N, C-alpha and C. Protein backbone atom coordinates (compact mmCIF):
# COMPACT_ATOMS: atom_id res chain seq x y z
N MET A 1 -7.41 -24.34 -44.43
CA MET A 1 -7.51 -22.89 -44.23
C MET A 1 -8.33 -22.57 -43.01
N VAL A 2 -9.43 -23.27 -42.76
CA VAL A 2 -10.22 -22.99 -41.57
C VAL A 2 -9.47 -23.34 -40.36
N LEU A 3 -8.74 -24.42 -40.40
CA LEU A 3 -7.90 -24.85 -39.23
C LEU A 3 -6.88 -23.77 -38.89
N ALA A 4 -6.19 -23.24 -39.93
CA ALA A 4 -5.23 -22.22 -39.71
C ALA A 4 -5.79 -20.94 -39.13
N THR A 5 -7.00 -20.62 -39.62
CA THR A 5 -7.71 -19.42 -39.08
C THR A 5 -8.02 -19.65 -37.62
N LYS A 6 -8.53 -20.80 -37.23
CA LYS A 6 -8.83 -21.12 -35.85
C LYS A 6 -7.60 -21.05 -34.97
N GLU A 7 -6.50 -21.60 -35.46
CA GLU A 7 -5.22 -21.54 -34.73
C GLU A 7 -4.72 -20.07 -34.54
N ASN A 8 -4.88 -19.32 -35.58
CA ASN A 8 -4.46 -17.88 -35.48
C ASN A 8 -5.33 -17.13 -34.46
N TYR A 9 -6.66 -17.45 -34.53
CA TYR A 9 -7.59 -16.84 -33.66
C TYR A 9 -7.31 -17.23 -32.21
N ALA A 10 -6.96 -18.45 -31.97
CA ALA A 10 -6.65 -19.01 -30.64
C ALA A 10 -5.39 -18.33 -30.07
N ARG A 11 -4.37 -18.19 -30.99
CA ARG A 11 -3.13 -17.49 -30.52
C ARG A 11 -3.41 -16.02 -30.25
N ALA A 12 -4.17 -15.35 -31.09
CA ALA A 12 -4.52 -13.98 -30.86
C ALA A 12 -5.25 -13.78 -29.55
N LEU A 13 -6.23 -14.71 -29.29
CA LEU A 13 -6.98 -14.64 -28.07
C LEU A 13 -6.08 -14.88 -26.86
N ALA A 14 -5.22 -15.87 -26.94
CA ALA A 14 -4.26 -16.17 -25.85
C ALA A 14 -3.35 -14.95 -25.58
N ASN A 15 -2.83 -14.35 -26.69
CA ASN A 15 -1.96 -13.10 -26.54
C ASN A 15 -2.77 -12.03 -25.91
N SER A 16 -4.05 -11.84 -26.28
CA SER A 16 -4.83 -10.76 -25.71
C SER A 16 -5.08 -11.05 -24.21
N LEU A 17 -5.34 -12.28 -23.83
CA LEU A 17 -5.51 -12.57 -22.42
C LEU A 17 -4.24 -12.35 -21.63
N THR A 18 -3.12 -12.74 -22.20
CA THR A 18 -1.82 -12.56 -21.59
C THR A 18 -1.61 -11.07 -21.37
N ASN A 19 -1.86 -10.25 -22.44
CA ASN A 19 -1.65 -8.79 -22.32
C ASN A 19 -2.60 -8.20 -21.31
N LEU A 20 -3.84 -8.62 -21.24
CA LEU A 20 -4.77 -8.11 -20.22
C LEU A 20 -4.31 -8.46 -18.79
N THR A 21 -3.78 -9.66 -18.65
CA THR A 21 -3.33 -10.07 -17.29
C THR A 21 -2.12 -9.20 -16.90
N ARG A 22 -1.23 -8.96 -17.82
CA ARG A 22 -0.06 -8.12 -17.57
C ARG A 22 -0.46 -6.70 -17.28
N PHE A 23 -1.45 -6.23 -18.02
CA PHE A 23 -2.01 -4.84 -17.86
C PHE A 23 -2.55 -4.71 -16.45
N VAL A 24 -3.31 -5.71 -15.99
CA VAL A 24 -3.88 -5.68 -14.60
C VAL A 24 -2.75 -5.70 -13.55
N GLU A 25 -1.74 -6.51 -13.76
CA GLU A 25 -0.62 -6.56 -12.88
C GLU A 25 0.08 -5.22 -12.77
N ALA A 26 0.32 -4.62 -13.96
CA ALA A 26 0.93 -3.30 -13.97
C ALA A 26 0.06 -2.25 -13.34
N ALA A 27 -1.21 -2.30 -13.50
CA ALA A 27 -2.11 -1.36 -12.90
C ALA A 27 -2.06 -1.52 -11.40
N LYS A 28 -2.01 -2.76 -10.83
CA LYS A 28 -1.89 -2.99 -9.42
C LYS A 28 -0.60 -2.35 -8.86
N ILE A 29 0.52 -2.55 -9.58
CA ILE A 29 1.78 -1.96 -9.16
C ILE A 29 1.71 -0.47 -9.08
N LEU A 30 1.10 0.13 -10.13
CA LEU A 30 0.94 1.61 -10.10
C LEU A 30 0.01 2.10 -9.06
N ALA A 31 -1.06 1.36 -8.78
CA ALA A 31 -2.00 1.70 -7.72
C ALA A 31 -1.33 1.67 -6.37
N GLU A 32 -0.50 0.66 -6.14
CA GLU A 32 0.25 0.54 -4.89
C GLU A 32 1.23 1.71 -4.70
N ALA A 33 1.90 2.10 -5.79
CA ALA A 33 2.84 3.20 -5.77
C ALA A 33 2.14 4.52 -5.48
N ALA A 34 0.91 4.67 -6.11
CA ALA A 34 0.12 5.89 -5.87
C ALA A 34 -0.35 5.96 -4.46
N GLU A 35 -0.76 4.82 -3.88
CA GLU A 35 -1.20 4.78 -2.48
C GLU A 35 -0.06 5.08 -1.58
N GLN A 36 1.14 4.54 -1.81
CA GLN A 36 2.27 4.86 -1.01
C GLN A 36 2.65 6.35 -1.04
N ALA A 37 2.55 6.92 -2.27
CA ALA A 37 2.88 8.33 -2.46
C ALA A 37 1.85 9.17 -1.65
N ALA A 38 0.59 8.81 -1.68
CA ALA A 38 -0.45 9.55 -0.94
C ALA A 38 -0.18 9.42 0.59
N ASN A 39 0.22 8.25 1.03
CA ASN A 39 0.55 8.09 2.46
C ASN A 39 1.79 8.92 2.84
N ASP A 40 2.78 8.96 1.92
CA ASP A 40 3.94 9.76 2.23
C ASP A 40 3.54 11.29 2.27
N TYR A 41 2.72 11.76 1.36
CA TYR A 41 2.30 13.11 1.39
C TYR A 41 1.54 13.43 2.70
N ARG A 42 0.66 12.51 3.11
CA ARG A 42 -0.12 12.71 4.37
C ARG A 42 0.88 12.81 5.56
N ALA A 43 1.86 11.91 5.55
CA ALA A 43 2.84 11.93 6.63
C ALA A 43 3.60 13.30 6.67
N VAL A 44 4.01 13.74 5.49
CA VAL A 44 4.73 15.05 5.39
C VAL A 44 3.77 16.16 5.90
N ASP A 45 2.55 16.12 5.45
CA ASP A 45 1.58 17.15 5.86
C ASP A 45 1.43 17.14 7.40
N ASP A 46 1.27 15.96 7.95
CA ASP A 46 1.12 15.81 9.42
C ASP A 46 2.39 16.34 10.15
N GLN A 47 3.57 15.99 9.59
CA GLN A 47 4.81 16.44 10.21
C GLN A 47 4.94 17.97 10.11
N SER A 48 4.57 18.54 8.98
CA SER A 48 4.57 19.96 8.81
C SER A 48 3.66 20.66 9.80
N ALA A 49 2.45 20.09 9.98
CA ALA A 49 1.51 20.70 10.89
C ALA A 49 2.06 20.64 12.29
N ARG A 50 2.68 19.51 12.67
CA ARG A 50 3.26 19.41 14.03
C ARG A 50 4.37 20.43 14.22
N SER A 51 5.18 20.57 13.18
CA SER A 51 6.34 21.56 13.23
C SER A 51 5.81 22.93 13.37
N LEU A 52 4.78 23.31 12.56
CA LEU A 52 4.27 24.67 12.70
C LEU A 52 3.63 24.92 14.04
N ASN A 53 2.94 23.94 14.59
CA ASN A 53 2.38 24.06 15.93
C ASN A 53 3.50 24.25 16.96
N ASN A 54 4.54 23.50 16.83
CA ASN A 54 5.64 23.59 17.77
C ASN A 54 6.33 25.00 17.61
N ILE A 55 6.56 25.49 16.41
CA ILE A 55 7.10 26.78 16.18
C ILE A 55 6.22 27.87 16.82
N ASN A 56 4.92 27.78 16.54
CA ASN A 56 4.00 28.72 17.12
C ASN A 56 4.04 28.70 18.63
N TYR A 57 4.09 27.53 19.26
CA TYR A 57 4.16 27.42 20.69
C TYR A 57 5.46 28.02 21.23
N LEU A 58 6.56 27.71 20.56
CA LEU A 58 7.87 28.26 21.00
C LEU A 58 7.88 29.81 20.92
N LEU A 59 7.42 30.37 19.83
CA LEU A 59 7.37 31.79 19.66
C LEU A 59 6.42 32.43 20.61
N THR A 60 5.25 31.86 20.83
CA THR A 60 4.26 32.42 21.80
C THR A 60 4.86 32.44 23.19
N THR A 61 5.42 31.31 23.55
CA THR A 61 6.02 31.20 24.87
C THR A 61 7.19 32.22 25.06
N ALA A 62 8.02 32.30 24.06
CA ALA A 62 9.16 33.20 24.13
C ALA A 62 8.67 34.63 24.20
N THR A 63 7.65 34.98 23.43
CA THR A 63 7.09 36.38 23.50
C THR A 63 6.53 36.67 24.87
N ARG A 64 5.81 35.71 25.46
CA ARG A 64 5.24 35.98 26.81
C ARG A 64 6.39 36.11 27.80
N GLN A 65 7.40 35.28 27.69
CA GLN A 65 8.51 35.34 28.64
C GLN A 65 9.22 36.68 28.47
N ALA A 66 9.42 37.06 27.21
CA ALA A 66 10.13 38.37 26.98
C ALA A 66 9.34 39.52 27.50
N GLN A 67 8.01 39.46 27.30
CA GLN A 67 7.15 40.54 27.83
C GLN A 67 7.22 40.60 29.36
N ALA A 68 7.14 39.36 29.96
CA ALA A 68 7.18 39.32 31.46
C ALA A 68 8.54 39.88 31.95
N ALA A 69 9.64 39.51 31.29
CA ALA A 69 10.91 39.99 31.73
C ALA A 69 11.00 41.54 31.57
N ARG A 70 10.46 42.04 30.51
CA ARG A 70 10.51 43.50 30.25
C ARG A 70 9.59 44.24 31.20
N HIS A 71 8.52 43.63 31.63
CA HIS A 71 7.57 44.35 32.55
C HIS A 71 7.72 43.84 34.00
N SER A 72 8.82 43.23 34.34
CA SER A 72 8.95 42.79 35.72
C SER A 72 9.04 44.09 36.57
N GLY A 73 8.35 44.01 37.72
CA GLY A 73 8.24 45.20 38.60
C GLY A 73 7.04 46.02 38.30
N GLY A 74 6.21 45.63 37.31
CA GLY A 74 4.94 46.32 37.10
C GLY A 74 4.87 47.27 35.91
N ARG A 75 6.04 47.78 35.49
CA ARG A 75 5.98 48.70 34.38
C ARG A 75 7.18 48.45 33.46
N PRO A 76 7.06 48.80 32.20
CA PRO A 76 8.17 48.52 31.27
C PRO A 76 9.36 49.48 31.56
N VAL A 77 10.54 48.96 31.24
CA VAL A 77 11.72 49.80 31.34
C VAL A 77 11.73 50.73 30.08
N PRO A 78 11.88 52.03 30.26
CA PRO A 78 11.88 52.91 29.07
C PRO A 78 13.07 52.66 28.13
N ASP A 79 12.86 52.89 26.91
CA ASP A 79 13.90 52.72 25.89
C ASP A 79 14.57 54.06 25.84
N VAL A 80 15.78 54.17 26.33
CA VAL A 80 16.48 55.45 26.47
C VAL A 80 16.95 55.96 25.09
N ARG A 81 17.00 55.13 24.12
CA ARG A 81 17.45 55.60 22.79
C ARG A 81 16.53 56.65 22.28
N TYR A 82 15.27 56.56 22.58
CA TYR A 82 14.30 57.52 22.05
C TYR A 82 13.70 58.42 23.10
N ASP A 83 14.49 58.68 24.15
CA ASP A 83 13.96 59.50 25.26
C ASP A 83 13.87 60.96 24.80
N GLY A 84 12.68 61.29 24.24
CA GLY A 84 12.41 62.61 23.88
C GLY A 84 13.00 63.07 22.54
N GLU A 85 13.79 62.21 21.92
CA GLU A 85 14.37 62.57 20.62
C GLU A 85 13.69 61.80 19.55
N THR A 86 13.65 62.37 18.39
CA THR A 86 13.14 61.66 17.18
C THR A 86 14.25 60.82 16.58
N PRO A 87 14.02 59.56 16.40
CA PRO A 87 15.11 58.74 15.84
C PRO A 87 15.38 59.11 14.41
C-alpha cells in the first residue's frame, strides 16, 4: 500500500510538473501575441498621426493658396451675390 501511494504521488507530481510546463509555454505564447498586438496598435497610432499631420498640412497649404489667389492684386474680389442685398 505504501508503494502504491508513492507511485500515485510520483505520477501526480509528474502530471503537475507537466501541466506547469505547458502553462508556462502557453503564457509565453499569449505574451508574444499581446506584445505583437501592442506593436500593431503603436504602428497604427503612428500612421494615424502621420496621416493627420499630412491632412493638416494639405489643408493649411490649400487655404493659404486659396487666400492668396483671392487676394491677388492686394484686395479681395467682392462677392457680387451679396452686393448690398440681404441673402
